[in-house]
Amino acid sequence: MAENTAPPPTAARTPVSLDATYIDGSPTPLPKRDSIATNERTSIGALTPVKPADMALKDPQPRCLFFDVFGTCVDWRKTVTDELWAQAREALNSPSSSLASRIRFMASDMTYEEWGELAQEWRNSYLTFTREVANNPDPSKPYKTVDEHHLDSLRSILTTRGLVFPRTDDTPANLVHDGSLWDEHQIQTLSMVWHRLDPWPDTCRGILELNRLFWTCTLSNGNLTLLKDMCAHAGMEFTHVFSAEMFRSYKPSPKVYLGAAEKMGLKPEECAMVAAHLDDLKAAKANGFRTIYVERPLEERRPELREEGFVDVWVGAGEDGFVTAAERLGVQVLRARRRSGSAPGRAETS
């Protein structure tokens, strides 16, 4: 192992609180790669030693894995569509609702798949918004968070689709009962569904495995409050939580990737980006990061980039996501534990 990638001679890593986002100085020490690290969840130690010879990324091996979150770690599409569908059914069936006939008919006629199309439109508006800020920064404009965008965008989409009436006067939102599918308070609550996204089946287990060898850190366009809530909801135990908000921009701006590496006290080549989106990985690669692609259903928006060859580690759709990524990066995953997906018992570690 190259000298500049050797872990500091300290005890096994202590988990970092999600509140310890704006860290200064040296990051939390890495677990020792030449010994069995402590498993904080079970307090009985890691299952098996790591195998440096099997590490897919070397010269140098990355010290921190940065994770895209929406689509890579969590299944936003199902969670958001389920919430839209459920809230529409609740509004339609509520005895206290006084919906305009046209809106009631329209909402009643919408299928689950059509609510999924609305969810995709909402997601697309987020992509357009973040890329515009990243590619055309305007210092004269105040920074707008993803939470703020999600609320504004949802209002706009619902109004354009005729599910809520336009609101242009100065009447306080809590006093407006105009026959819309949802009132302003309900729209605000619904816009926060992005704080409650559910993880893919391999996500939480894979992160725990990767924590045995690396720092794991979110690097998402979602704002910090959103990411912290999502990690808590989904049980994703990253060692650090970073957001593009910390760098007052959005991916794919170089300020985000390079700022995250600097914040961790690392060189870009000591970092790897984990994502289900090739355009995110291409931007990370252009800024010196290593790249790990984890394929997720319906997430790839730039399939033509598959042939460009900038991905260092590729985890296909038929594999086990982050758990497979951990194996490729040198973590020995016990087969019995991998099949069950549960924490090991003491017998498994003997």
Foldseek 3Di string as FASTA:
>chain_A
DDPVPAWDPDAAWDFADQVCFQPDDADTTAHHLVDWHAQVVVRQTDQDHWDQVLALDPPPAAFEEAEAPDQQWFPQLVLLLVLVLVLLVCLLPPPPADADPVLSVVSVPDDSVNSSVLSVVLVVQLVVVQVCCQVPPDVVDDQDAPLNSLLVSLVVSCCVVPQAPDDDDDDPQVPDRPRHSDTSVVSSVSSLSLLQTETDLLNQVLQSLVSNRHQYEYEYQHDSVSVSSNCVNHVRRGSHYDYCVVQSHHPPHLSRLCVVCVSNVHQQCSYEYEYQEVVSRVSSVVRNHAYEHFHGPPPYPCVVCPPVPRHSHYHDPPDSRSNVVSVSRGGDDDPVCVVVVDDDDSVSRD
